Structure formats: structure tokens, C-alpha cells
PDB file of N, CA and C in Angstrom:
ATOM      1  N   UNK A   1       1.469  17.151  15.556  1.00  0.00           N
ATOM      2  CA  UNK A   1       3.503  17.381  15.086  1.00  0.00           C
ATOM      3  C   UNK A   1       4.198  17.726  14.140  1.00  0.00           C
ATOM      4  N   UNK A   2       4.623  19.365  14.490  1.00  0.00           N
ATOM      5  CA  UNK A   2       4.610  19.458  12.741  1.00  0.00           C
ATOM      6  C   UNK A   2       6.057  18.862  12.089  1.00  0.00           C
ATOM      7  N   UNK A   3       5.934  18.959  11.286  1.00  0.00           N
ATOM      8  CA  UNK A   3       7.111  17.955  10.845  1.00  0.00           C
ATOM      9  C   UNK A   3       6.980  16.555  10.830  1.00  0.00           C
ATOM     10  N   UNK A   4       6.230  15.925  11.569  1.00  0.00           N
ATOM     11  CA  UNK A   4       5.376  14.385  10.848  1.00  0.00           C
ATOM     12  C   UNK A   4       4.041  14.315   9.745  1.00  0.00           C
ATOM     13  N   UNK A   5       5.063  13.274   8.552  1.00  0.00           N
ATOM     14  CA  UNK A   5       4.018  13.482   7.945  1.00  0.00           C
ATOM     15  C   UNK A   5       3.420  11.566   7.532  1.00  0.00           C
ATOM     16  N   UNK A   6       1.888  12.113   7.446  1.00  0.00           N
ATOM     17  CA  UNK A   6       1.333  10.351   6.789  1.00  0.00           C
ATOM     18  C   UNK A   6       0.947  10.399   5.140  1.00  0.00           C
ATOM     19  N   UNK A   7       1.251   9.167   5.527  1.00  0.00           N
ATOM     20  CA  UNK A   7       0.762   8.376   4.059  1.00  0.00           C
ATOM     21  C   UNK A   7      -0.171   7.889   3.792  1.00  0.00           C
ATOM     22  N   UNK A   8      -1.315   7.533   2.783  1.00  0.00           N
ATOM     23  CA  UNK A   8      -2.079   6.508   2.590  1.00  0.00           C
ATOM     24  C   UNK A   8      -1.409   6.265   0.936  1.00  0.00           C
ATOM     25  N   UNK A   9      -1.255   5.461   1.370  1.00  0.00           N
ATOM     26  CA  UNK A   9      -0.464   4.131   0.384  1.00  0.00           C
ATOM     27  C   UNK A   9      -1.969   3.115  -0.569  1.00  0.00           C
ATOM     28  N   UNK A  10      -1.928   2.672  -1.451  1.00  0.00           N
ATOM     29  CA  UNK A  10      -2.856   1.950  -1.884  1.00  0.00           C
ATOM     30  C   UNK A  10      -2.700   1.401  -3.636  1.00  0.00           C
ATOM     31  N   UNK A  11      -2.072   0.538  -2.802  1.00  0.00           N
ATOM     32  CA  UNK A  11      -2.164  -1.022  -3.744  1.00  0.00           C
ATOM     33  C   UNK A  11      -2.497  -2.603  -4.375  1.00  0.00           C
ATOM     34  N   UNK A  12      -2.270  -2.728  -5.367  1.00  0.00           N
ATOM     35  CA  UNK A  12      -2.974  -4.128  -5.375  1.00  0.00           C
ATOM     36  C   UNK A  12      -1.994  -5.376  -4.821  1.00  0.00           C
ATOM     37  N   UNK A  13      -2.451  -6.108  -4.104  1.00  0.00           N
ATOM     38  CA  UNK A  13      -1.630  -7.269  -3.547  1.00  0.00           C
ATOM     39  C   UNK A  13      -2.907  -8.386  -3.341  1.00  0.00           C
ATOM     40  N   UNK A  14      -2.698  -9.480  -4.540  1.00  0.00           N
ATOM     41  CA  UNK A  14      -2.974 -10.693  -4.874  1.00  0.00           C
ATOM     42  C   UNK A  14      -4.955 -10.633  -5.152  1.00  0.00           C
ATOM     43  N   UNK A  15      -5.070 -10.398  -5.664  1.00  0.00           N
ATOM     44  CA  UNK A  15      -6.351  -9.670  -5.931  1.00  0.00           C
ATOM     45  C   UNK A  15      -7.339  -8.843  -5.152  1.00  0.00           C
ATOM     46  N   UNK A  16      -6.439  -8.438  -4.285  1.00  0.00           N
ATOM     47  CA  UNK A  16      -7.284  -7.564  -3.465  1.00  0.00           C
ATOM     48  C   UNK A  16      -6.358  -5.675  -3.219  1.00  0.00           C
ATOM     49  N   UNK A  17      -7.725  -4.679  -2.625  1.00  0.00           N
ATOM     50  CA  UNK A  17      -6.801  -3.004  -3.612  1.00  0.00           C
ATOM     51  C   UNK A  17      -6.674  -3.278  -1.425  1.00  0.00           C
ATOM     52  N   UNK A  18      -5.841  -3.165  -1.560  1.00  0.00           N
ATOM     53  CA  UNK A  18      -4.594  -2.022   0.181  1.00  0.00           C
ATOM     54  C   UNK A  18      -4.906  -1.071   0.304  1.00  0.00           C
ATOM     55  N   UNK A  19      -5.655  -0.602   1.353  1.00  0.00           N
ATOM     56  CA  UNK A  19      -4.782   1.144   1.805  1.00  0.00           C
ATOM     57  C   UNK A  19      -4.387   1.028   3.200  1.00  0.00           C
ATOM     58  N   UNK A  20      -2.977   1.305   3.469  1.00  0.00           N
ATOM     59  CA  UNK A  20      -2.777   2.066   4.196  1.00  0.00           C
ATOM     60  C   UNK A  20      -2.162   3.099   4.897  1.00  0.00           C
ATOM     61  N   UNK A  21      -1.763   3.408   5.799  1.00  0.00           N
ATOM     62  CA  UNK A  21      -1.499   4.321   6.300  1.00  0.00           C
ATOM     63  C   UNK A  21       0.416   4.030   6.582  1.00  0.00           C
ATOM     64  N   UNK A  22       1.008   5.016   6.577  1.00  0.00           N
ATOM     65  CA  UNK A  22       2.184   5.677   6.698  1.00  0.00           C
ATOM     66  C   UNK A  22       3.228   6.051   7.008  1.00  0.00           C
ATOM     67  N   UNK A  23       4.342   6.158   8.320  1.00  0.00           N
ATOM     68  CA  UNK A  23       4.551   7.387   8.340  1.00  0.00           C
ATOM     69  C   UNK A  23       6.049   8.027   7.239  1.00  0.00           C
ATOM     70  N   UNK A  24       6.547   6.815   6.807  1.00  0.00           N
ATOM     71  CA  UNK A  24       7.176   6.890   5.373  1.00  0.00           C
ATOM     72  C   UNK A  24       7.135   5.949   4.339  1.00  0.00           C
ATOM     73  N   UNK A  25       7.499   6.254   2.915  1.00  0.00           N
ATOM     74  CA  UNK A  25       7.328   6.207   2.268  1.00  0.00           C
ATOM     75  C   UNK A  25       8.476   6.578   1.022  1.00  0.00           C
ATOM     76  N   UNK A  26       9.830   5.740   0.424  1.00  0.00           N
ATOM     77  CA  UNK A  26      10.427   6.657  -0.111  1.00  0.00           C
ATOM     78  C   UNK A  26      10.726   5.492  -1.551  1.00  0.00           C
ATOM     79  N   UNK A  27      11.256   5.523  -2.714  1.00  0.00           N
ATOM     80  CA  UNK A  27      11.649   4.805  -3.457  1.00  0.00           C
ATOM     81  C   UNK A  27      12.762   4.187  -3.039  1.00  0.00           C
ATOM     82  N   UNK A  28      13.021   2.269  -2.818  1.00  0.00           N
ATOM     83  CA  UNK A  28      13.318   2.257  -2.165  1.00  0.00           C
ATOM     84  C   UNK A  28      14.647   1.342  -2.866  1.00  0.00           C
ATOM     85  N   UNK A  29      16.101   0.301  -2.172  1.00  0.00           N
ATOM     86  CA  UNK A  29      17.008   0.315  -3.106  1.00  0.00           C
ATOM     87  C   UNK A  29      16.648  -0.740  -3.811  1.00  0.00           C
ATOM     88  N   UNK A  30      16.043  -1.623  -3.938  1.00  0.00           N
ATOM     89  CA  UNK A  30      15.444  -3.047  -5.002  1.00  0.00           C
ATOM     90  C   UNK A  30      15.192  -1.181  -6.142  1.00  0.00           C
ATOM     91  N   UNK A  31      15.477  -2.165  -7.276  1.00  0.00           N
ATOM     92  CA  UNK A  31      14.989  -0.808  -8.858  1.00  0.00           C
ATOM     93  C   UNK A  31      13.673  -1.874  -8.583  1.00  0.00           C
ATOM     94  N   UNK A  32      12.875  -0.358  -9.099  1.00  0.00           N
ATOM     95  CA  UNK A  32      11.509  -0.877  -9.104  1.00  0.00           C
ATOM     96  C   UNK A  32      10.129  -1.134  -8.287  1.00  0.00           C
ATOM     97  N   UNK A  33      10.389  -0.585  -6.838  1.00  0.00           N
ATOM     98  CA  UNK A  33       9.971  -0.892  -5.418  1.00  0.00           C
ATOM     99  C   UNK A  33       9.929   0.407  -5.529  1.00  0.00           C
ATOM    100  N   UNK A  34       8.484   0.178  -3.858  1.00  0.00           N
ATOM    101  CA  UNK A  34       7.949   0.847  -3.174  1.00  0.00           C
ATOM    102  C   UNK A  34       8.343   1.241  -1.561  1.00  0.00           C
ATOM    103  N   UNK A  35       9.306   1.562  -1.106  1.00  0.00           N
ATOM    104  CA  UNK A  35       9.981   1.717   0.553  1.00  0.00           C
ATOM    105  C   UNK A  35       8.296   2.205   1.248  1.00  0.00           C
ATOM    106  N   UNK A  36       8.033   0.680   2.605  1.00  0.00           N
ATOM    107  CA  UNK A  36       7.223   1.568   2.943  1.00  0.00           C
ATOM    108  C   UNK A  36       7.332   1.246   4.207  1.00  0.00           C
ATOM    109  N   UNK A  37       6.918   2.372   5.709  1.00  0.00           N
ATOM    110  CA  UNK A  37       8.079   1.858   6.734  1.00  0.00           C
ATOM    111  C   UNK A  37       7.064   2.899   7.255  1.00  0.00           C
ATOM    112  N   UNK A  38       6.901   2.165   8.924  1.00  0.00           N
ATOM    113  CA  UNK A  38       6.331   3.046   9.933  1.00  0.00           C
ATOM    114  C   UNK A  38       4.568   2.797   9.713  1.00  0.00           C
ATOM    115  N   UNK A  39       3.878   1.753   9.889  1.00  0.00           N
ATOM    116  CA  UNK A  39       2.846   1.627   9.404  1.00  0.00           C
ATOM    117  C   UNK A  39       2.238   2.111  11.056  1.00  0.00           C
ATOM    118  N   UNK A  40       0.792   2.363  10.273  1.00  0.00           N
ATOM    119  CA  UNK A  40       0.041   3.264  11.856  1.00  0.00           C
ATOM    120  C   UNK A  40      -1.149   2.360  11.655  1.00  0.00           C
ATOM    121  N   UNK A  41      -1.580   2.365  12.873  1.00  0.00           N
ATOM    122  CA  UNK A  41      -3.738   1.379  12.321  1.00  0.00           C
ATOM    123  C   UNK A  41      -3.417   2.425  13.441  1.00  0.00           C
ATOM    124  N   UNK A  42      -5.005   2.071  13.557  1.00  0.00           N
ATOM    125  CA  UNK A  42      -5.926   3.107  14.447  1.00  0.00           C
ATOM    126  C   UNK A  42      -5.962   2.437  16.042  1.00  0.00           C
ATOM    127  N   UNK A  43      -5.160   2.546  16.623  1.00  0.00           N
ATOM    128  CA  UNK A  43      -5.504   2.870  18.157  1.00  0.00           C
ATOM    129  C   UNK A  43      -6.212   3.250  19.484  1.00  0.00           C
ATOM    130  N   UNK A  44      -7.024   3.235  18.615  1.00  0.00           N
ATOM    131  CA  UNK A  44      -7.793   4.801  19.978  1.00  0.00           C
ATOM    132  C   UNK A  44      -8.809   4.046  20.552  1.00  0.00           C
ATOM    133  N   UNK A  45      -9.474   3.135  18.812  1.00  0.00           N
ATOM    134  CA  UNK A  45     -11.351   2.894  19.510  1.00  0.00           C
ATOM    135  C   UNK A  45     -10.931   1.139  19.463  1.00  0.00           C
ATOM    136  N   UNK A  46     -10.173   0.826  20.928  1.00  0.00           N
ATOM    137  CA  UNK A  46      -9.810  -1.175  21.239  1.00  0.00           C
ATOM    138  C   UNK A  46     -11.646  -1.647  20.850  1.00  0.00           C
ATOM    139  N   UNK A  47     -11.974  -0.853  21.593  1.00  0.00           N
ATOM    140  CA  UNK A  47     -13.685  -1.900  22.151  1.00  0.00           C
ATOM    141  C   UNK A  47     -13.689  -2.409  21.055  1.00  0.00           C
ATOM    142  N   UNK A  48     -14.074  -1.321  19.764  1.00  0.00           N
ATOM    143  CA  UNK A  48     -14.549  -2.005  18.963  1.00  0.00           C
ATOM    144  C   UNK A  48     -13.943  -2.347  16.972  1.00  0.00           C
ATOM    145  N   UNK A  49     -13.785  -3.415  17.550  1.00  0.00           N
ATOM    146  CA  UNK A  49     -12.289  -4.289  16.435  1.00  0.00           C
ATOM    147  C   UNK A  49     -13.208  -4.237  14.955  1.00  0.00           C
ATOM    148  N   UNK A  50     -12.830  -3.552  13.965  1.00  0.00           N
ATOM    149  CA  UNK A  50     -13.049  -3.650  12.738  1.00  0.00           C
ATOM    150  C   UNK A  50     -12.341  -5.002  11.569  1.00  0.00           C
ATOM    151  N   UNK A  51     -13.141  -5.428  11.546  1.00  0.00           N
ATOM    152  CA  UNK A  51     -11.973  -7.560  10.938  1.00  0.00           C
ATOM    153  C   UNK A  51     -11.056  -7.075   9.634  1.00  0.00           C
ATOM    154  N   UNK A  52     -11.371  -5.921   9.086  1.00  0.00           N
ATOM    155  CA  UNK A  52      -9.942  -4.898   7.986  1.00  0.00           C
ATOM    156  C   UNK A  52      -9.362  -4.820   8.658  1.00  0.00           C
ATOM    157  N   UNK A  53      -9.437  -3.730   9.373  1.00  0.00           N
ATOM    158  CA  UNK A  53      -8.185  -4.026  10.051  1.00  0.00           C
ATOM    159  C   UNK A  53      -7.668  -4.793  10.947  1.00  0.00           C
ATOM    160  N   UNK A  54      -7.875  -5.907  11.629  1.00  0.00           N
ATOM    161  CA  UNK A  54      -7.411  -6.735  12.183  1.00  0.00           C
ATOM    162  C   UNK A  54      -6.609  -7.762  11.404  1.00  0.00           C
ATOM    163  N   UNK A  55      -7.035  -8.128   9.802  1.00  0.00           N
ATOM    164  CA  UNK A  55      -6.430  -8.706   9.194  1.00  0.00           C
ATOM    165  C   UNK A  55      -4.848  -7.871   8.967  1.00  0.00           C
ATOM    166  N   UNK A  56      -5.293  -6.610   8.630  1.00  0.00           N
ATOM    167  CA  UNK A  56      -4.003  -5.949   8.404  1.00  0.00           C
ATOM    168  C   UNK A  56      -3.177  -6.348   9.303  1.00  0.00           C
ATOM    169  N   UNK A  57      -3.568  -5.543  10.654  1.00  0.00           N
ATOM    170  CA  UNK A  57      -2.640  -5.459  11.302  1.00  0.00           C
ATOM    171  C   UNK A  57      -1.885  -7.394  11.533  1.00  0.00           C
ATOM    172  N   UNK A  58      -2.637  -8.242  11.613  1.00  0.00           N
ATOM    173  CA  UNK A  58      -2.462  -9.764  11.912  1.00  0.00           C
ATOM    174  C   UNK A  58      -1.333  -9.763  10.400  1.00  0.00           C
ATOM    175  N   UNK A  59      -1.245  -9.391   9.263  1.00  0.00           N
ATOM    176  CA  UNK A  59      -0.558  -9.908   8.392  1.00  0.00           C
ATOM    177  C   UNK A  59       0.493  -9.229   8.318  1.00  0.00           C
ATOM    178  N   UNK A  60       0.444  -8.361   8.869  1.00  0.00           N
ATOM    179  CA  UNK A  60       1.924  -7.295   8.866  1.00  0.00           C
ATOM    180  C   UNK A  60       2.317  -7.163  10.313  1.00  0.00           C
ATOM    181  N   UNK A  61       1.632  -7.609  11.111  1.00  0.00           N
ATOM    182  CA  UNK A  61       2.960  -7.930  12.849  1.00  0.00           C
ATOM    183  C   UNK A  61       4.054  -8.525  12.450  1.00  0.00           C
ATOM    184  N   UNK A  62       4.623  -8.195  12.817  1.00  0.00           N
ATOM    185  CA  UNK A  62       6.616  -8.112  13.154  1.00  0.00           C
ATOM    186  C   UNK A  62       7.306  -7.297  12.499  1.00  0.00           C
ATOM    187  N   UNK A  63       6.727  -6.733  11.062  1.00  0.00           N
ATOM    188  CA  UNK A  63       6.802  -5.717   9.840  1.00  0.00           C
ATOM    189  C   UNK A  63       7.582  -4.658  10.010  1.00  0.00           C
ATOM    190  N   UNK A  64       8.975  -4.181  10.382  1.00  0.00           N
ATOM    191  CA  UNK A  64       8.918  -2.773  10.189  1.00  0.00           C
ATOM    192  C   UNK A  64       9.131  -1.740   8.895  1.00  0.00           C
ATOM    193  N   UNK A  65       9.588  -2.845   7.549  1.00  0.00           N
ATOM    194  CA  UNK A  65       9.201  -2.113   6.537  1.00  0.00           C
ATOM    195  C   UNK A  65       8.977  -3.872   5.490  1.00  0.00           C
ATOM    196  N   UNK A  66       8.470  -2.416   4.196  1.00  0.00           N
ATOM    197  CA  UNK A  66       7.659  -3.472   3.429  1.00  0.00           C
ATOM    198  C   UNK A  66       8.373  -2.529   2.115  1.00  0.00           C
ATOM    199  N   UNK A  67       7.536  -3.206   0.878  1.00  0.00           N
ATOM    200  CA  UNK A  67       8.451  -2.737  -0.340  1.00  0.00           C
ATOM    201  C   UNK A  67       7.593  -3.648  -2.018  1.00  0.00           C
ATOM    202  N   UNK A  68       6.719  -2.575  -2.198  1.00  0.00           N
ATOM    203  CA  UNK A  68       5.576  -2.927  -3.460  1.00  0.00           C
ATOM    204  C   UNK A  68       6.456  -2.912  -4.573  1.00  0.00           C
ATOM    205  N   UNK A  69       6.449  -3.374  -5.572  1.00  0.00           N
ATOM    206  CA  UNK A  69       6.813  -3.388  -7.148  1.00  0.00           C
ATOM    207  C   UNK A  69       5.489  -1.894  -7.767  1.00  0.00           C
ATOM    208  N   UNK A  70       5.839  -0.817  -7.867  1.00  0.00           N
ATOM    209  CA  UNK A  70       5.635   0.060  -8.860  1.00  0.00           C
ATOM    210  C   UNK A  70       4.500  -0.327  -9.549  1.00  0.00           C
ATOM    211  N   UNK A  71       4.624  -1.771 -10.336  1.00  0.00           N
ATOM    212  CA  UNK A  71       3.608  -1.865 -11.155  1.00  0.00           C
ATOM    213  C   UNK A  71       1.891  -1.801 -10.267  1.00  0.00           C
ATOM    214  N   UNK A  72       2.316  -2.569  -9.255  1.00  0.00           N
ATOM    215  CA  UNK A  72       1.294  -3.042  -8.342  1.00  0.00           C
ATOM    216  C   UNK A  72       0.482  -1.387  -7.634  1.00  0.00           C
ATOM    217  N   UNK A  73       1.385  -0.377  -7.224  1.00  0.00           N
ATOM    218  CA  UNK A  73       0.855   1.186  -6.604  1.00  0.00           C
ATOM    219  C   UNK A  73       0.190   1.339  -7.500  1.00  0.00           C
ATOM    220  N   UNK A  74      -1.519   1.771  -7.138  1.00  0.00           N
ATOM    221  CA  UNK A  74      -2.958   2.717  -7.341  1.00  0.00           C
ATOM    222  C   UNK A  74      -1.623   3.983  -7.118  1.00  0.00           C
ATOM    223  N   UNK A  75      -2.235   4.544  -6.024  1.00  0.00           N
ATOM    224  CA  UNK A  75      -1.116   5.918  -5.703  1.00  0.00           C
ATOM    225  C   UNK A  75      -0.768   6.511  -4.061  1.00  0.00           C
ATOM    226  N   UNK A  76      -0.211   6.849  -4.249  1.00  0.00           N
ATOM    227  CA  UNK A  76      -0.154   7.666  -2.688  1.00  0.00           C
ATOM    228  C   UNK A  76       0.250   9.406  -2.293  1.00  0.00           C
ATOM    229  N   UNK A  77      -0.373   9.226  -1.511  1.00  0.00           N
ATOM    230  CA  UNK A  77      -0.979  10.630  -0.493  1.00  0.00           C
ATOM    231  C   UNK A  77      -0.541  11.028   0.423  1.00  0.00           C
ATOM    232  N   UNK A  78      -0.343  12.059   0.611  1.00  0.00           N
ATOM    233  CA  UNK A  78       0.304  12.923   1.756  1.00  0.00           C
ATOM    234  C   UNK A  78      -1.475  13.704   2.507  1.00  0.00           C
ATOM    235  N   UNK A  79      -1.593  12.780   3.680  1.00  0.00           N
ATOM    236  CA  UNK A  79      -2.599  13.370   4.294  1.00  0.00           C
ATOM    237  C   UNK A  79      -2.516  14.715   5.610  1.00  0.00           C
ATOM    238  N   UNK A  80      -3.479  14.372   6.260  1.00  0.00           N
ATOM    239  CA  UNK A  80      -2.795  15.097   7.352  1.00  0.00           C
ATOM    240  C   UNK A  80      -4.018  14.449   8.674  1.00  0.00           C
ATOM    241  N   UNK A  81      -4.128  13.267   8.165  1.00  0.00           N
ATOM    242  CA  UNK A  81      -4.583  12.282   9.655  1.00  0.00           C
ATOM    243  C   UNK A  81      -5.034  10.375   8.764  1.00  0.00           C
ATOM    244  N   UNK A  82      -4.612   9.807   9.986  1.00  0.00           N
ATOM    245  CA  UNK A  82      -4.486   8.767   9.311  1.00  0.00           C
ATOM    246  C   UNK A  82      -6.261   8.000   9.453  1.00  0.00           C
ATOM    247  N   UNK A  83      -6.444   7.360   8.370  1.00  0.00           N
ATOM    248  CA  UNK A  83      -7.675   7.052   8.171  1.00  0.00           C
ATOM    249  C   UNK A  83      -7.522   5.590   8.769  1.00  0.00           C
ATOM    250  N   UNK A  84      -8.804   4.983   8.586  1.00  0.00           N
ATOM    251  CA  UNK A  84      -8.853   3.316   8.802  1.00  0.00           C
ATOM    252  C   UNK A  84      -8.454   2.297   7.280  1.00  0.00           C
ATOM    253  N   UNK A  85      -7.070   1.926   7.493  1.00  0.00           N
ATOM    254  CA  UNK A  85      -6.046   0.911   6.906  1.00  0.00           C
ATOM    255  C   UNK A  85      -7.830  -0.349   6.296  1.00  0.00           C
ATOM    256  N   UNK A  86      -7.571  -0.838   5.237  1.00  0.00           N
ATOM    257  CA  UNK A  86      -8.935  -1.838   4.682  1.00  0.00           C
ATOM    258  C   UNK A  86      -8.337  -2.799   3.121  1.00  0.00           C
ATOM    259  N   UNK A  87      -8.676  -3.684   4.054  1.00  0.00           N
ATOM    260  CA  UNK A  87      -8.536  -4.564   2.332  1.00  0.00           C
ATOM    261  C   UNK A  87     -10.480  -4.880   1.337  1.00  0.00           C
ATOM    262  N   UNK A  88     -10.115  -4.564   0.447  1.00  0.00           N
ATOM    263  CA  UNK A  88     -11.496  -4.389  -0.229  1.00  0.00           C
ATOM    264  C   UNK A  88     -11.006  -5.076  -1.909  1.00  0.00           C
ATOM    265  N   UNK A  89     -11.860  -5.983  -2.205  1.00  0.00           N
ATOM    266  CA  UNK A  89     -11.850  -7.033  -3.337  1.00  0.00           C
ATOM    267  C   UNK A  89     -11.682  -5.903  -4.415  1.00  0.00           C
ATOM    268  N   UNK A  90     -10.214  -6.680  -5.111  1.00  0.00           N
ATOM    269  CA  UNK A  90     -10.345  -5.411  -6.429  1.00  0.00           C
ATOM    270  C   UNK A  90     -11.396  -5.200  -7.109  1.00  0.00           C
ATOM    271  N   UNK A  91     -12.737  -6.212  -7.421  1.00  0.00           N
ATOM    272  CA  UNK A  91     -14.042  -5.364  -8.101  1.00  0.00           C
ATOM    273  C   UNK A  91     -14.446  -4.084  -7.419  1.00  0.00           C
ATOM    274  N   UNK A  92     -14.955  -4.410  -6.319  1.00  0.00           N
ATOM    275  CA  UNK A  92     -15.857  -3.307  -5.259  1.00  0.00           C
ATOM    276  C   UNK A  92     -14.914  -1.970  -5.779  1.00  0.00           C
ATOM    277  N   UNK A  93     -13.906  -1.646  -5.370  1.00  0.00           N
ATOM    278  CA  UNK A  93     -12.960  -0.708  -4.634  1.00  0.00           C
ATOM    279  C   UNK A  93     -13.626   0.657  -6.085  1.00  0.00           C
ATOM    280  N   UNK A  94     -13.617   0.920  -6.904  1.00  0.00           N
ATOM    281  CA  UNK A  94     -14.574   1.468  -8.022  1.00  0.00           C
ATOM    282  C   UNK A  94     -13.912   0.329  -9.502  1.00  0.00           C
ATOM    283  N   UNK A  95     -13.309   1.540 -10.250  1.00  0.00           N
ATOM    284  CA  UNK A  95     -13.300   1.432 -11.880  1.00  0.00           C
ATOM    285  C   UNK A  95     -11.939   1.318 -11.972  1.00  0.00           C
ATOM    286  N   UNK A  96     -10.817   0.689 -11.508  1.00  0.00           N
ATOM    287  CA  UNK A  96      -9.244   1.812 -11.898  1.00  0.00           C
ATOM    288  C   UNK A  96      -8.944   0.121 -11.402  1.00  0.00           C
ATOM    289  N   UNK A  97      -8.364  -0.206 -13.121  1.00  0.00           N
ATOM    290  CA  UNK A  97      -7.249  -0.908 -12.560  1.00  0.00           C
ATOM    291  C   UNK A  97      -6.490  -1.121 -13.092  1.00  0.00           C
ATOM    292  N   UNK A  98      -5.150  -1.782 -13.024  1.00  0.00           N
ATOM    293  CA  UNK A  98      -3.978  -1.637 -13.053  1.00  0.00           C
ATOM    294  C   UNK A  98      -4.107  -1.966 -14.699  1.00  0.00           C
ATOM    295  N   UNK A  99      -3.068  -1.731 -15.963  1.00  0.00           N
ATOM    296  CA  UNK A  99      -3.182  -1.713 -17.310  1.00  0.00           C
ATOM    297  C   UNK A  99      -1.852  -3.122 -17.423  1.00  0.00           C
ATOM    298  N   UNK A 100      -2.253  -4.102 -17.694  1.00  0.00           N
ATOM    299  CA  UNK A 100      -0.854  -4.628 -17.161  1.00  0.00           C
ATOM    300  C   UNK A 100       0.234  -4.765 -18.891  1.00  0.00           C
ATOM    301  N   UNK A 101       1.012  -4.368 -18.164  1.00  0.00           N
ATOM    302  CA  UNK A 101       1.782  -4.554 -18.937  1.00  0.00           C
ATOM    303  C   UNK A 101       3.343  -5.272 -19.101  1.00  0.00           C
ATOM    304  N   UNK A 102       3.913  -5.951 -19.817  1.00  0.00           N
ATOM    305  CA  UNK A 102       5.159  -5.964 -19.688  1.00  0.00           C
ATOM    306  C   UNK A 102       6.364  -5.657 -19.151  1.00  0.00           C
ATOM    307  N   UNK A 103       7.406  -6.022 -17.938  1.00  0.00           N
ATOM    308  CA  UNK A 103       8.085  -5.215 -17.384  1.00  0.00           C
ATOM    309  C   UNK A 103       9.102  -5.300 -18.664  1.00  0.00           C
ATOM    310  N   UNK A 104       9.781  -5.921 -19.069  1.00  0.00           N
ATOM    311  CA  UNK A 104      11.199  -6.005 -19.820  1.00  0.00           C
ATOM    312  C   UNK A 104       9.898  -6.682 -21.702  1.00  0.00           C
ATOM    313  N   UNK A 105      10.785  -5.820 -22.358  1.00  0.00           N
ATOM    314  CA  UNK A 105      10.079  -5.948 -23.947  1.00  0.00           C
ATOM    315  C   UNK A 105      11.197  -6.826 -24.915  1.00  0.00           C
ATOM    316  N   UNK A 106      11.002  -7.735 -25.561  1.00  0.00           N
ATOM    317  CA  UNK A 106      11.958  -7.980 -26.266  1.00  0.00           C
ATOM    318  C   UNK A 106      12.516  -6.990 -27.551  1.00  0.00           C
ATOM    319  N   UNK A 107      13.552  -7.166 -27.659  1.00  0.00           N
ATOM    320  CA  UNK A 107      14.075  -6.615 -28.708  1.00  0.00           C
ATOM    321  C   UNK A 107      12.918  -6.185 -30.434  1.00  0.00           C
ATOM    322  N   UNK A 108      12.675  -5.508 -30.838  1.00  0.00           N
ATOM    323  CA  UNK A 108      11.799  -5.882 -32.015  1.00  0.00           C
ATOM    324  C   UNK A 108      12.988  -6.885 -33.813  1.00  0.00           C
ATOM    325  N   UNK A 109      13.715  -5.573 -33.437  1.00  0.00           N
ATOM    326  CA  UNK A 109      15.239  -6.594 -34.681  1.00  0.00           C
ATOM    327  C   UNK A 109      16.036  -7.523 -34.638  1.00  0.00           C
ATOM    328  N   UNK A 110      15.170  -8.479 -32.985  1.00  0.00           N
ATOM    329  CA  UNK A 110      15.639 -10.060 -32.697  1.00  0.00           C
ATOM    330  C   UNK A 110      14.128 -10.813 -33.019  1.00  0.00           C
ATOM    331  N   UNK A 111      14.024 -11.789 -33.499  1.00  0.00           N
ATOM    332  CA  UNK A 111      12.826 -12.582 -33.317  1.00  0.00           C
ATOM    333  C   UNK A 111      12.580 -13.175 -32.582  1.00  0.00           C
TER     334      UNK A 111
END
């Protein structure tokens, strides 16, 4: 269907790396947050249940829109088709990790 976009959003959440697919991703009204709306789950294969995808479905059940802090976002990609959403422990996904930086810093002139 032309005109529809699918986004893959990968972000850190409580020590794990989440990969979800959504219809809309935008800068939200909350300063410093990414807004994700219209989550997509693979409904084609109802006979085989993926435990990771099932856990995500349960976690986001009833959620229409959610916000991710910008410092937790690893990447956002526009993709041709949706894949399998997953939760991966932070150490297993690869060698990418967030560089810890404070959002607000002290003014060096004030002790």
C-alpha cells in the first residue's frame, strides 16, 4: 500500500534492547522524548508463538502511544516491511552501548 511507512525503533529499556515496529515515529510534545505510535506485531503466524514477541505484546497491551527518552534511542529506520519484534539482553545484541552523559551539567563558573 503506497503512502504507508513502517519504522523499526531500537532502544534501551531497563537493561535490555527493545526492537519494535511502528507506523509513526516523531518528536513528541515532551521535550527530549521520541513518540512512537501504532505498534505492529506479526499477526500472520498465530500457530507458532514467539515468546519474545508475546512478551512485547503483553507489555504494550492497550498502549496507543508511548514516549522514549532520546538518550535511550539507538536507532530509527524506515523499512520496507515489518520484522519480528524482540527483546535482547544488552550484552547479547552486539558491541553498541550508550555513552553515559548527563542531560544537565553544572556551570563551570559556579562551584
